[in-house]
Amino acid sequence: MDVRFPNIARFLLALYFCLSASVLCAAEVNVYSARKENLIKPLLLQFQELTGTSVNLITGKADTLLQRIISEGQHSPADILITIDAGRLHRALQANILLPVDTPALRNSVPQQYRDPDGNWFGLSLRARPIMYASDRVNPADLSTYENLSLPGWQGKICTRSSDNIYNQSMVASMLAHHGKEYTLAWTRGLVSNFARPPQGGDRDQIRAVAAGQCDVAIANSYYLGKMLASKDSAQREAAQKVGIFWPNQDDRGVHVNISGGAVIRTSKNRAAAVALLEFLVSDAAQQWYAETNFEYPVKPGVRSSEMLTRWGQFKADSLNLYLLGELNSDAVMVMDHARWK
């Protein structure tokens, strides 16, 4: 999906982004992004075209970019950090590199649970982490909640990533927020005892393992299944077609969700342009681009999802404020260590 606007809409958008944050349209903005270039650059180019603001992009691993900004200190050229997972955004906050911002556009576009309470970071896209199951071996009627995956009936049937993966750490942090430490430790131990194999690989590997019969269910971010279904690689498509999505906890708290997010760097030399870019990234067109291109859900309410996401059906998402995932990250890691989640 190309992010394009009718001529009148383009003019109005350009005027809005230039004036709302007092941006000089000849300014520049430097973006440090943990998102791969093809998943962010088209939007940055559109912002550049709309406003005349020059956008410079540096991509890299999330933790590497954070350490780079810290080491650069006052001399960092970074204006915006775009990264994945609320846990990593919290790490950036703890490092004291983020600048709180507050604008009507950001408040009105990003629901409260998907942004830092003090405006230090904002969600840009929504990521669901449901249960994936083997369509030929598992009756979805036998699935219900994340909690039930720790029951003995799932012994030897579950695949997932390692405990050092931030996605799993945030999932356990959400369990801590809802259930407390004692229950979460017992749940995590039960889940680990049901692993079909030692944790290994990424989310795509868990989906492939389900398709290959190495396990019956896996916990993985839904957009990975979308990417596999849309892949030019026939082996990925064939594997993904053997796997179904189940939205757990629909009768209580809802599906565990996370975000990709953005934040203005405290030492930014181009703050107005940085804020304007954040506002653009939560505009309707940018939000729809996320859904069409990366199969993530719009963080902004009311934006139309892609055809594939629509086929997967609607679901109730956990309403937990995601800043708690970062606050509870160290406790989650401790629980996973005690449960011997490798």
C-alpha atoms as a PDB file:
ATOM      1  CA  MET A   1       0.000   0.000   0.000  1.00  0.00           C
ATOM      2  CA  ASP A   2       1.418   3.366  -1.008  1.00  0.00           C
ATOM      3  CA  VAL A   3       0.647   6.227   1.373  1.00  0.00           C
ATOM      4  CA  ARG A   4      -0.971   8.736  -0.931  1.00  0.00           C
ATOM      5  CA  PHE A   5      -3.399  11.600  -0.433  1.00  0.00           C
ATOM      6  CA  PRO A   6      -5.623  13.604  -2.804  1.00  0.00           C
ATOM      7  CA  ASN A   7      -4.110  16.961  -3.732  1.00  0.00           C
ATOM      8  CA  ILE A   8      -6.336  19.013  -1.397  1.00  0.00           C
ATOM      9  CA  ALA A   9      -5.747  16.580   1.460  1.00  0.00           C
ATOM     10  CA  ARG A  10      -2.011  16.678   0.803  1.00  0.00           C
ATOM     11  CA  PHE A  11      -2.013  20.477   0.993  1.00  0.00           C
ATOM     12  CA  LEU A  12      -4.009  20.515   4.219  1.00  0.00           C
ATOM     13  CA  LEU A  13      -1.842  17.841   5.811  1.00  0.00           C
ATOM     14  CA  ALA A  14       1.320  19.683   4.879  1.00  0.00           C
ATOM     15  CA  LEU A  15      -0.090  22.906   6.300  1.00  0.00           C
ATOM     16  CA  TYR A  16      -1.157  21.143   9.494  1.00  0.00           C
ATOM     17  CA  PHE A  17       2.153  19.431  10.156  1.00  0.00           C
ATOM     18  CA  CYS A  18       4.078  22.593   9.432  1.00  0.00           C
ATOM     19  CA  LEU A  19       1.961  24.893  11.603  1.00  0.00           C
ATOM     20  CA  SER A  20       0.699  22.712  14.449  1.00  0.00           C
ATOM     21  CA  ALA A  21       4.180  22.137  15.864  1.00  0.00           C
ATOM     22  CA  SER A  22       5.693  25.384  14.548  1.00  0.00           C
ATOM     23  CA  VAL A  23       7.858  23.401  12.144  1.00  0.00           C
ATOM     24  CA  LEU A  24      10.009  25.230   9.687  1.00  0.00           C
ATOM     25  CA  CYS A  25       9.453  23.227   6.556  1.00  0.00           C
ATOM     26  CA  ALA A  26      13.101  23.490   5.620  1.00  0.00           C
ATOM     27  CA  ALA A  27      14.064  21.728   8.886  1.00  0.00           C
ATOM     28  CA  GLU A  28      15.452  18.217   9.275  1.00  0.00           C
ATOM     29  CA  VAL A  29      14.815  15.342  11.666  1.00  0.00           C
ATOM     30  CA  ASN A  30      17.114  12.419  12.519  1.00  0.00           C
ATOM     31  CA  VAL A  31      15.389   9.090  13.180  1.00  0.00           C
ATOM     32  CA  TYR A  32      17.010   6.141  14.955  1.00  0.00           C
ATOM     33  CA  SER A  33      14.797   3.177  14.131  1.00  0.00           C
ATOM     34  CA  ALA A  34      14.768  -0.425  15.326  1.00  0.00           C
ATOM     35  CA  ARG A  35      12.240  -1.075  12.579  1.00  0.00           C
ATOM     36  CA  LYS A  36      13.745  -2.342   9.356  1.00  0.00           C
ATOM     37  CA  GLU A  37      14.153   0.269   6.641  1.00  0.00           C
ATOM     38  CA  ASN A  38      11.403  -1.104   4.411  1.00  0.00           C
ATOM     39  CA  LEU A  39       8.945  -0.946   7.325  1.00  0.00           C
ATOM     40  CA  ILE A  40       9.478   2.727   8.114  1.00  0.00           C
ATOM     41  CA  LYS A  41      11.219   4.520   5.239  1.00  0.00           C
ATOM     42  CA  PRO A  42       8.157   4.830   2.946  1.00  0.00           C
ATOM     43  CA  LEU A  43       6.340   6.717   5.708  1.00  0.00           C
ATOM     44  CA  LEU A  44       9.339   8.943   6.378  1.00  0.00           C
ATOM     45  CA  LEU A  45       9.632   9.778   2.702  1.00  0.00           C
ATOM     46  CA  GLN A  46       5.958  10.708   2.592  1.00  0.00           C
ATOM     47  CA  PHE A  47       6.398  13.002   5.598  1.00  0.00           C
ATOM     48  CA  GLN A  48       9.403  14.547   3.880  1.00  0.00           C
ATOM     49  CA  GLU A  49       7.390  15.126   0.713  1.00  0.00           C
ATOM     50  CA  LEU A  50       4.447  16.613   2.607  1.00  0.00           C
ATOM     51  CA  THR A  51       6.397  19.007   4.806  1.00  0.00           C
ATOM     52  CA  GLY A  52       9.741  19.618   3.103  1.00  0.00           C
ATOM     53  CA  THR A  53      11.430  18.396   6.279  1.00  0.00           C
ATOM     54  CA  SER A  54      14.524  16.364   5.477  1.00  0.00           C
ATOM     55  CA  VAL A  55      14.408  12.972   7.223  1.00  0.00           C
ATOM     56  CA  ASN A  56      17.648  11.138   7.973  1.00  0.00           C
ATOM     57  CA  LEU A  57      17.259   7.476   8.929  1.00  0.00           C
ATOM     58  CA  ILE A  58      19.578   5.191  10.895  1.00  0.00           C
ATOM     59  CA  THR A  59      18.393   1.619  11.507  1.00  0.00           C
ATOM     60  CA  GLY A  60      19.782  -1.027  13.832  1.00  0.00           C
ATOM     61  CA  LYS A  61      18.999  -3.469  16.611  1.00  0.00           C
ATOM     62  CA  ALA A  62      16.836  -1.973  19.357  1.00  0.00           C
ATOM     63  CA  ASP A  63      19.285  -2.417  22.224  1.00  0.00           C
ATOM     64  CA  THR A  64      22.224  -1.291  20.073  1.00  0.00           C
ATOM     65  CA  LEU A  65      20.472   1.950  19.127  1.00  0.00           C
ATOM     66  CA  LEU A  66      19.614   2.658  22.748  1.00  0.00           C
ATOM     67  CA  GLN A  67      23.214   2.184  23.819  1.00  0.00           C
ATOM     68  CA  ARG A  68      24.369   4.358  20.932  1.00  0.00           C
ATOM     69  CA  ILE A  69      22.158   7.253  22.035  1.00  0.00           C
ATOM     70  CA  ILE A  70      23.361   6.850  25.615  1.00  0.00           C
ATOM     71  CA  SER A  71      27.016   6.827  24.577  1.00  0.00           C
ATOM     72  CA  GLU A  72      26.564   9.826  22.270  1.00  0.00           C
ATOM     73  CA  GLY A  73      25.165  11.812  25.196  1.00  0.00           C
ATOM     74  CA  GLN A  74      24.607  15.527  24.639  1.00  0.00           C
ATOM     75  CA  HIS A  75      26.165  15.249  21.192  1.00  0.00           C
ATOM     76  CA  SER A  76      23.692  12.684  19.866  1.00  0.00           C
ATOM     77  CA  PRO A  77      22.148  13.763  16.551  1.00  0.00           C
ATOM     78  CA  ALA A  78      19.080  11.598  17.282  1.00  0.00           C
ATOM     79  CA  ASP A  79      15.736  13.411  17.373  1.00  0.00           C
ATOM     80  CA  ILE A  80      13.405  10.412  17.477  1.00  0.00           C
ATOM     81  CA  LEU A  81      13.775   6.815  18.624  1.00  0.00           C
ATOM     82  CA  ILE A  82      11.418   4.290  17.031  1.00  0.00           C
ATOM     83  CA  THR A  83      11.585   0.886  18.673  1.00  0.00           C
ATOM     84  CA  ILE A  84       9.564  -2.240  19.367  1.00  0.00           C
ATOM     85  CA  ASP A  85       7.936  -3.379  22.604  1.00  0.00           C
ATOM     86  CA  ALA A  86       6.876  -1.303  25.598  1.00  0.00           C
ATOM     87  CA  GLY A  87       9.639  -2.987  27.582  1.00  0.00           C
ATOM     88  CA  ARG A  88      12.300  -1.400  25.382  1.00  0.00           C
ATOM     89  CA  LEU A  89      10.601   1.986  25.515  1.00  0.00           C
ATOM     90  CA  HIS A  90      10.735   1.715  29.303  1.00  0.00           C
ATOM     91  CA  ARG A  91      14.464   0.969  29.121  1.00  0.00           C
ATOM     92  CA  ALA A  92      14.915   4.170  27.133  1.00  0.00           C
ATOM     93  CA  LEU A  93      12.918   6.054  29.770  1.00  0.00           C
ATOM     94  CA  GLN A  94      15.055   4.598  32.549  1.00  0.00           C
ATOM     95  CA  ALA A  95      18.147   5.755  30.663  1.00  0.00           C
ATOM     96  CA  ASN A  96      16.803   9.333  30.918  1.00  0.00           C
ATOM     97  CA  ILE A  97      17.103   9.986  27.183  1.00  0.00           C
ATOM     98  CA  LEU A  98      13.440  10.774  26.432  1.00  0.00           C
ATOM     99  CA  LEU A  99      11.693  14.140  26.273  1.00  0.00           C
ATOM    100  CA  PRO A 100       8.046  14.278  27.442  1.00  0.00           C
ATOM    101  CA  VAL A 101       5.714  15.788  24.839  1.00  0.00           C
ATOM    102  CA  ASP A 102       2.010  16.558  24.886  1.00  0.00           C
ATOM    103  CA  THR A 103      -0.086  17.574  21.893  1.00  0.00           C
ATOM    104  CA  PRO A 104      -3.818  17.196  21.156  1.00  0.00           C
ATOM    105  CA  ALA A 105      -3.034  15.139  18.032  1.00  0.00           C
ATOM    106  CA  LEU A 106      -1.033  12.577  19.977  1.00  0.00           C
ATOM    107  CA  ARG A 107      -3.483  12.422  22.890  1.00  0.00           C
ATOM    108  CA  ASN A 108      -6.481  12.056  20.587  1.00  0.00           C
ATOM    109  CA  SER A 109      -4.864   9.464  18.305  1.00  0.00           C
ATOM    110  CA  VAL A 110      -3.155   7.177  20.826  1.00  0.00           C
ATOM    111  CA  PRO A 111      -5.364   5.612  23.520  1.00  0.00           C
ATOM    112  CA  GLN A 112      -4.177   6.097  27.080  1.00  0.00           C
ATOM    113  CA  GLN A 113      -3.138   2.466  27.585  1.00  0.00           C
ATOM    114  CA  TYR A 114      -0.789   2.668  24.582  1.00  0.00           C
ATOM    115  CA  ARG A 115       1.238   5.675  25.703  1.00  0.00           C
ATOM    116  CA  ASP A 116       3.390   6.620  28.646  1.00  0.00           C
ATOM    117  CA  PRO A 117       1.346   8.407  31.336  1.00  0.00           C
ATOM    118  CA  ASP A 118       3.804  11.321  31.281  1.00  0.00           C
ATOM    119  CA  GLY A 119       4.076  11.571  27.493  1.00  0.00           C
ATOM    120  CA  ASN A 120       7.570  10.093  27.236  1.00  0.00           C
ATOM    121  CA  TRP A 121       6.601   7.646  24.462  1.00  0.00           C
ATOM    122  CA  PHE A 122       3.638   6.856  22.216  1.00  0.00           C
ATOM    123  CA  GLY A 123       2.466   3.673  20.535  1.00  0.00           C
ATOM    124  CA  LEU A 124       2.637   3.728  16.741  1.00  0.00           C
ATOM    125  CA  SER A 125       1.238   0.281  15.921  1.00  0.00           C
ATOM    126  CA  LEU A 126      -0.434  -2.489  17.886  1.00  0.00           C
ATOM    127  CA  ARG A 127       0.923  -6.043  18.050  1.00  0.00           C
ATOM    128  CA  ALA A 128      -1.164  -8.996  19.215  1.00  0.00           C
ATOM    129  CA  ARG A 129       0.481 -12.143  20.648  1.00  0.00           C
ATOM    130  CA  PRO A 130      -2.183 -14.861  20.383  1.00  0.00           C
ATOM    131  CA  ILE A 131      -2.030 -18.649  20.380  1.00  0.00           C
ATOM    132  CA  MET A 132      -1.141 -20.364  17.094  1.00  0.00           C
ATOM    133  CA  TYR A 133      -2.403 -23.916  16.649  1.00  0.00           C
ATOM    134  CA  ALA A 134      -2.102 -26.822  14.202  1.00  0.00           C
ATOM    135  CA  SER A 135      -5.323 -26.723  12.191  1.00  0.00           C
ATOM    136  CA  ASP A 136      -5.281 -30.489  11.541  1.00  0.00           C
ATOM    137  CA  ARG A 137      -4.516 -31.605  15.103  1.00  0.00           C
ATOM    138  CA  VAL A 138      -6.027 -29.101  17.499  1.00  0.00           C
ATOM    139  CA  ASN A 139      -9.695 -28.339  17.991  1.00  0.00           C
ATOM    140  CA  PRO A 140      -9.889 -24.610  18.795  1.00  0.00           C
ATOM    141  CA  ALA A 141     -12.715 -25.482  21.214  1.00  0.00           C
ATOM    142  CA  ASP A 142     -10.002 -27.000  23.409  1.00  0.00           C
ATOM    143  CA  LEU A 143      -8.249 -23.625  23.647  1.00  0.00           C
ATOM    144  CA  SER A 144      -9.371 -20.860  25.978  1.00  0.00           C
ATOM    145  CA  THR A 145      -6.740 -18.803  27.843  1.00  0.00           C
ATOM    146  CA  TYR A 146      -3.005 -18.299  28.234  1.00  0.00           C
ATOM    147  CA  GLU A 147      -3.478 -19.523  31.786  1.00  0.00           C
ATOM    148  CA  ASN A 148      -4.774 -22.911  30.627  1.00  0.00           C
ATOM    149  CA  LEU A 149      -1.613 -23.579  28.614  1.00  0.00           C
ATOM    150  CA  SER A 150       0.055 -24.483  31.916  1.00  0.00           C
ATOM    151  CA  LEU A 151      -2.332 -27.425  32.506  1.00  0.00           C
ATOM    152  CA  PRO A 152      -0.995 -31.019  32.179  1.00  0.00           C
ATOM    153  CA  GLY A 153      -3.098 -31.689  29.078  1.00  0.00           C
ATOM    154  CA  TRP A 154      -0.673 -29.571  27.031  1.00  0.00           C
ATOM    155  CA  GLN A 155       2.454 -31.418  28.155  1.00  0.00           C
ATOM    156  CA  GLY A 156       4.942 -31.770  25.295  1.00  0.00           C
ATOM    157  CA  LYS A 157       2.779 -29.709  22.944  1.00  0.00           C
ATOM    158  CA  ILE A 158       3.946 -26.079  23.229  1.00  0.00           C
ATOM    159  CA  CYS A 159       6.649 -24.176  21.342  1.00  0.00           C
ATOM    160  CA  THR A 160       7.892 -20.702  22.161  1.00  0.00           C
ATOM    161  CA  ARG A 161      10.932 -18.456  22.073  1.00  0.00           C
ATOM    162  CA  SER A 162      13.554 -18.168  24.791  1.00  0.00           C
ATOM    163  CA  SER A 163      13.225 -16.214  28.015  1.00  0.00           C
ATOM    164  CA  ASP A 164      15.628 -13.521  26.825  1.00  0.00           C
ATOM    165  CA  ASN A 165      13.098 -12.467  24.176  1.00  0.00           C
ATOM    166  CA  ILE A 166      11.454  -9.163  25.097  1.00  0.00           C
ATOM    167  CA  TYR A 167       8.088 -10.279  23.683  1.00  0.00           C
ATOM    168  CA  ASN A 168       7.918 -13.176  26.137  1.00  0.00           C
ATOM    169  CA  GLN A 169       9.202 -11.030  28.983  1.00  0.00           C
ATOM    170  CA  SER A 170       6.382  -8.561  28.353  1.00  0.00           C
ATOM    171  CA  MET A 171       3.828 -11.387  28.211  1.00  0.00           C
ATOM    172  CA  VAL A 172       4.973 -12.635  31.624  1.00  0.00           C
ATOM    173  CA  ALA A 173       4.954  -9.038  32.899  1.00  0.00           C
ATOM    174  CA  SER A 174       1.295  -8.804  31.871  1.00  0.00           C
ATOM    175  CA  MET A 175       0.595 -11.982  33.865  1.00  0.00           C
ATOM    176  CA  LEU A 176       2.281 -10.384  36.883  1.00  0.00           C
ATOM    177  CA  ALA A 177       0.145  -7.261  36.494  1.00  0.00           C
ATOM    178  CA  HIS A 178      -3.044  -9.307  36.426  1.00  0.00           C
ATOM    179  CA  HIS A 179      -2.275 -12.174  38.809  1.00  0.00           C
ATOM    180  CA  GLY A 180       0.681 -11.309  41.033  1.00  0.00           C
ATOM    181  CA  LYS A 181       3.997 -13.069  41.561  1.00  0.00           C
ATOM    182  CA  GLU A 182       2.893 -16.310  43.257  1.00  0.00           C
ATOM    183  CA  TYR A 183       0.357 -17.248  40.593  1.00  0.00           C
ATOM    184  CA  THR A 184       2.591 -16.148  37.715  1.00  0.00           C
ATOM    185  CA  LEU A 185       5.515 -18.228  38.966  1.00  0.00           C
ATOM    186  CA  ALA A 186       3.290 -21.314  39.208  1.00  0.00           C
ATOM    187  CA  TRP A 187       1.865 -20.605  35.744  1.00  0.00           C
ATOM    188  CA  THR A 188       5.292 -20.128  34.217  1.00  0.00           C
ATOM    189  CA  ARG A 189       6.566 -23.379  35.731  1.00  0.00           C
ATOM    190  CA  GLY A 190       3.547 -25.208  34.314  1.00  0.00           C
ATOM    191  CA  LEU A 191       4.065 -23.639  30.896  1.00  0.00           C
ATOM    192  CA  VAL A 192       7.757 -24.604  30.848  1.00  0.00           C
ATOM    193  CA  SER A 193       6.908 -28.183  31.803  1.00  0.00           C
ATOM    194  CA  ASN A 194       4.679 -28.331  28.707  1.00  0.00           C
ATOM    195  CA  PHE A 195       7.364 -27.263  26.214  1.00  0.00           C
ATOM    196  CA  ALA A 196       7.765 -29.692  23.327  1.00  0.00           C
ATOM    197  CA  ARG A 197      11.416 -28.682  22.880  1.00  0.00           C
ATOM    198  CA  PRO A 198      13.919 -26.240  24.372  1.00  0.00           C
ATOM    199  CA  PRO A 199      13.035 -22.676  23.357  1.00  0.00           C
ATOM    200  CA  GLN A 200      14.786 -21.691  20.147  1.00  0.00           C
ATOM    201  CA  GLY A 201      14.477 -19.398  17.153  1.00  0.00           C
ATOM    202  CA  GLY A 202      12.086 -16.572  16.414  1.00  0.00           C
ATOM    203  CA  ASP A 203       8.317 -16.413  16.048  1.00  0.00           C
ATOM    204  CA  ARG A 204       8.431 -17.690  12.470  1.00  0.00           C
ATOM    205  CA  ASP A 205      10.321 -20.750  13.751  1.00  0.00           C
ATOM    206  CA  GLN A 206       7.544 -21.465  16.248  1.00  0.00           C
ATOM    207  CA  ILE A 207       4.945 -21.302  13.469  1.00  0.00           C
ATOM    208  CA  ARG A 208       7.041 -23.597  11.278  1.00  0.00           C
ATOM    209  CA  ALA A 209       7.428 -26.027  14.198  1.00  0.00           C
ATOM    210  CA  VAL A 210       3.643 -26.219  14.616  1.00  0.00           C
ATOM    211  CA  ALA A 211       3.216 -26.823  10.881  1.00  0.00           C
ATOM    212  CA  ALA A 212       5.894 -29.542  10.943  1.00  0.00           C
ATOM    213  CA  GLY A 213       4.293 -31.400  13.849  1.00  0.00           C
ATOM    214  CA  GLN A 214       7.029 -30.628  16.385  1.00  0.00           C
ATOM    215  CA  CYS A 215       4.390 -29.086  18.646  1.00  0.00           C
ATOM    216  CA  ASP A 216       0.661 -28.462  18.553  1.00  0.00           C
ATOM    217  CA  VAL A 217       0.498 -24.855  19.717  1.00  0.00           C
ATOM    218  CA  ALA A 218       2.796 -21.856  19.924  1.00  0.00           C
ATOM    219  CA  ILE A 219       2.666 -18.308  21.248  1.00  0.00           C
ATOM    220  CA  ALA A 220       3.702 -15.823  18.555  1.00  0.00           C
ATOM    221  CA  ASN A 221       2.969 -12.339  17.283  1.00  0.00           C
ATOM    222  CA  SER A 222       0.223 -12.473  14.681  1.00  0.00           C
ATOM    223  CA  TYR A 223       2.008 -10.305  12.104  1.00  0.00           C
ATOM    224  CA  TYR A 224       4.615 -13.033  11.616  1.00  0.00           C
ATOM    225  CA  LEU A 225       1.887 -15.355  10.382  1.00  0.00           C
ATOM    226  CA  GLY A 226       0.685 -12.557   8.083  1.00  0.00           C
ATOM    227  CA  LYS A 227       4.160 -12.093   6.643  1.00  0.00           C
ATOM    228  CA  MET A 228       4.493 -15.817   6.036  1.00  0.00           C
ATOM    229  CA  LEU A 229       1.104 -16.025   4.322  1.00  0.00           C
ATOM    230  CA  ALA A 230       2.091 -13.106   2.059  1.00  0.00           C
ATOM    231  CA  SER A 231       5.642 -14.350   1.457  1.00  0.00           C
ATOM    232  CA  LYS A 232       7.063 -15.045  -1.988  1.00  0.00           C
ATOM    233  CA  ASP A 233       8.623 -18.162  -0.462  1.00  0.00           C
ATOM    234  CA  SER A 234       6.233 -21.056  -1.111  1.00  0.00           C
ATOM    235  CA  ALA A 235       7.606 -23.038   1.859  1.00  0.00           C
ATOM    236  CA  GLN A 236       6.697 -20.199   4.239  1.00  0.00           C
ATOM    237  CA  ARG A 237       3.232 -19.871   2.735  1.00  0.00           C
ATOM    238  CA  GLU A 238       2.584 -23.605   2.941  1.00  0.00           C
ATOM    239  CA  ALA A 239       3.676 -23.756   6.579  1.00  0.00           C
ATOM    240  CA  ALA A 240       1.528 -20.763   7.531  1.00  0.00           C
ATOM    241  CA  GLN A 241      -1.521 -22.241   5.826  1.00  0.00           C
ATOM    242  CA  LYS A 242      -1.384 -25.166   8.269  1.00  0.00           C
ATOM    243  CA  VAL A 243      -1.659 -22.887  11.284  1.00  0.00           C
ATOM    244  CA  GLY A 244      -4.692 -21.148  12.765  1.00  0.00           C
ATOM    245  CA  ILE A 245      -4.975 -18.163  15.112  1.00  0.00           C
ATOM    246  CA  PHE A 246      -6.843 -18.403  18.398  1.00  0.00           C
ATOM    247  CA  TRP A 247      -7.629 -15.252  20.360  1.00  0.00           C
ATOM    248  CA  PRO A 248      -7.367 -16.240  24.037  1.00  0.00           C
ATOM    249  CA  ASN A 249      -8.987 -14.754  27.150  1.00  0.00           C
ATOM    250  CA  GLN A 250     -11.983 -13.352  25.314  1.00  0.00           C
ATOM    251  CA  ASP A 251     -14.222 -13.936  28.331  1.00  0.00           C
ATOM    252  CA  ASP A 252     -11.963 -12.007  30.694  1.00  0.00           C
ATOM    253  CA  ARG A 253      -8.962  -9.700  30.227  1.00  0.00           C
ATOM    254  CA  GLY A 254      -8.379 -10.166  26.491  1.00  0.00           C
ATOM    255  CA  VAL A 255      -5.459 -10.942  24.194  1.00  0.00           C
ATOM    256  CA  HIS A 256      -1.991  -9.812  25.272  1.00  0.00           C
ATOM    257  CA  VAL A 257      -0.931  -6.897  23.066  1.00  0.00           C
ATOM    258  CA  ASN A 258       2.164  -4.759  22.729  1.00  0.00           C
ATOM    259  CA  ILE A 259       3.293  -1.896  20.511  1.00  0.00           C
ATOM    260  CA  SER A 260       5.945  -0.447  18.346  1.00  0.00           C
ATOM    261  CA  GLY A 261       6.459   3.070  19.603  1.00  0.00           C
ATOM    262  CA  GLY A 262       8.192   6.374  19.157  1.00  0.00           C
ATOM    263  CA  ALA A 263       9.713   8.987  21.431  1.00  0.00           C
ATOM    264  CA  VAL A 264      11.491  12.323  21.140  1.00  0.00           C
ATOM    265  CA  ILE A 265      15.083  12.310  22.385  1.00  0.00           C
ATOM    266  CA  ARG A 266      15.838  14.707  25.237  1.00  0.00           C
ATOM    267  CA  THR A 267      18.860  16.194  23.435  1.00  0.00           C
ATOM    268  CA  SER A 268      16.995  16.668  20.131  1.00  0.00           C
ATOM    269  CA  LYS A 269      18.066  19.712  18.151  1.00  0.00           C
ATOM    270  CA  ASN A 270      14.917  19.530  15.983  1.00  0.00           C
ATOM    271  CA  ARG A 271      12.160  19.062  18.534  1.00  0.00           C
ATOM    272  CA  ALA A 272       9.315  20.693  16.606  1.00  0.00           C
ATOM    273  CA  ALA A 273       9.990  18.566  13.536  1.00  0.00           C
ATOM    274  CA  ALA A 274      10.311  15.463  15.716  1.00  0.00           C
ATOM    275  CA  VAL A 275       6.908  16.074  17.318  1.00  0.00           C
ATOM    276  CA  ALA A 276       5.347  16.736  13.913  1.00  0.00           C
ATOM    277  CA  LEU A 277       6.735  13.439  12.631  1.00  0.00           C
ATOM    278  CA  LEU A 278       5.258  11.548  15.595  1.00  0.00           C
ATOM    279  CA  GLU A 279       1.906  13.168  14.847  1.00  0.00           C
ATOM    280  CA  PHE A 280       2.177  12.112  11.207  1.00  0.00           C
ATOM    281  CA  LEU A 281       2.949   8.502  12.182  1.00  0.00           C
ATOM    282  CA  VAL A 282      -0.381   8.273  14.025  1.00  0.00           C
ATOM    283  CA  SER A 283      -2.378   9.853  11.186  1.00  0.00           C
ATOM    284  CA  ASP A 284      -5.042   7.710   9.507  1.00  0.00           C
ATOM    285  CA  ALA A 285      -3.052   7.075   6.337  1.00  0.00           C
ATOM    286  CA  ALA A 286       0.139   6.113   8.177  1.00  0.00           C
ATOM    287  CA  GLN A 287      -1.795   3.836  10.526  1.00  0.00           C
ATOM    288  CA  GLN A 288      -3.473   2.075   7.616  1.00  0.00           C
ATOM    289  CA  TRP A 289      -0.093   1.619   5.954  1.00  0.00           C
ATOM    290  CA  TYR A 290       1.128  -0.308   9.011  1.00  0.00           C
ATOM    291  CA  ALA A 291      -1.857  -2.634   8.721  1.00  0.00           C
ATOM    292  CA  GLU A 292      -1.470  -3.215   4.987  1.00  0.00           C
ATOM    293  CA  THR A 293       2.309  -3.547   4.903  1.00  0.00           C
ATOM    294  CA  ASN A 294       3.304  -5.213   8.176  1.00  0.00           C
ATOM    295  CA  PHE A 295       0.007  -6.805   9.249  1.00  0.00           C
ATOM    296  CA  GLU A 296       0.062  -4.924  12.550  1.00  0.00           C
ATOM    297  CA  TYR A 297      -3.065  -3.368  13.989  1.00  0.00           C
ATOM    298  CA  PRO A 298      -3.598   0.407  13.953  1.00  0.00           C
ATOM    299  CA  VAL A 299      -3.069   1.923  17.369  1.00  0.00           C
ATOM    300  CA  LYS A 300      -5.491   4.711  16.451  1.00  0.00           C
ATOM    301  CA  PRO A 301      -9.158   3.755  16.937  1.00  0.00           C
ATOM    302  CA  GLY A 302     -11.382   3.744  13.877  1.00  0.00           C
ATOM    303  CA  VAL A 303      -8.687   3.163  11.258  1.00  0.00           C
ATOM    304  CA  ARG A 304      -9.527   0.390   8.808  1.00  0.00           C
ATOM    305  CA  SER A 305      -7.456  -2.792   9.101  1.00  0.00           C
ATOM    306  CA  SER A 306      -6.077  -4.751   6.165  1.00  0.00           C
ATOM    307  CA  GLU A 307      -8.005  -7.506   4.408  1.00  0.00           C
ATOM    308  CA  MET A 308      -5.931 -10.211   6.093  1.00  0.00           C
ATOM    309  CA  LEU A 309      -6.440  -8.795   9.569  1.00  0.00           C
ATOM    310  CA  THR A 310     -10.158  -8.554   8.888  1.00  0.00           C
ATOM    311  CA  ARG A 311     -10.227 -12.241   7.882  1.00  0.00           C
ATOM    312  CA  TRP A 312      -8.699 -13.171  11.234  1.00  0.00           C
ATOM    313  CA  GLY A 313     -11.680 -11.628  12.983  1.00  0.00           C
ATOM    314  CA  GLN A 314     -12.114  -9.084  15.715  1.00  0.00           C
ATOM    315  CA  PHE A 315     -10.824  -9.708  19.220  1.00  0.00           C
ATOM    316  CA  LYS A 316     -10.896  -8.171  22.664  1.00  0.00           C
ATOM    317  CA  ALA A 317      -7.462  -6.785  23.568  1.00  0.00           C
ATOM    318  CA  ASP A 318      -6.073  -6.532  27.075  1.00  0.00           C
ATOM    319  CA  SER A 319      -6.679  -2.980  28.318  1.00  0.00           C
ATOM    320  CA  LEU A 320      -3.652  -3.029  30.630  1.00  0.00           C
ATOM    321  CA  ASN A 321      -1.603   0.166  30.407  1.00  0.00           C
ATOM    322  CA  LEU A 322       1.524  -0.959  28.604  1.00  0.00           C
ATOM    323  CA  TYR A 323       3.908   1.117  30.697  1.00  0.00           C
ATOM    324  CA  LEU A 324       3.409  -1.618  33.325  1.00  0.00           C
ATOM    325  CA  LEU A 325       5.116  -4.108  31.002  1.00  0.00           C
ATOM    326  CA  GLY A 326       8.295  -2.071  31.307  1.00  0.00           C
ATOM    327  CA  GLU A 327       7.957  -1.458  35.026  1.00  0.00           C
ATOM    328  CA  LEU A 328       7.516  -5.186  35.680  1.00  0.00           C
ATOM    329  CA  ASN A 329      10.165  -6.366  33.225  1.00  0.00           C
ATOM    330  CA  SER A 330      12.845  -7.156  35.822  1.00  0.00           C
ATOM    331  CA  ASP A 331      10.302  -9.072  37.918  1.00  0.00           C
ATOM    332  CA  ALA A 332       9.227 -11.007  34.832  1.00  0.00           C
ATOM    333  CA  VAL A 333      12.825 -11.988  34.039  1.00  0.00           C
ATOM    334  CA  MET A 334      13.274 -13.164  37.640  1.00  0.00           C
ATOM    335  CA  VAL A 335      10.113 -15.291  37.457  1.00  0.00           C
ATOM    336  CA  MET A 336      11.237 -16.842  34.161  1.00  0.00           C
ATOM    337  CA  ASP A 337      14.654 -17.638  35.635  1.00  0.00           C
ATOM    338  CA  HIS A 338      13.087 -19.277  38.692  1.00  0.00           C
ATOM    339  CA  ALA A 339      10.825 -21.322  36.400  1.00  0.00           C
ATOM    340  CA  ARG A 340      13.911 -22.418  34.403  1.00  0.00           C
ATOM    341  CA  TRP A 341      12.590 -20.984  31.161  1.00  0.00           C
ATOM    342  CA  LYS A 342      15.778 -21.145  29.119  1.00  0.00           C
END
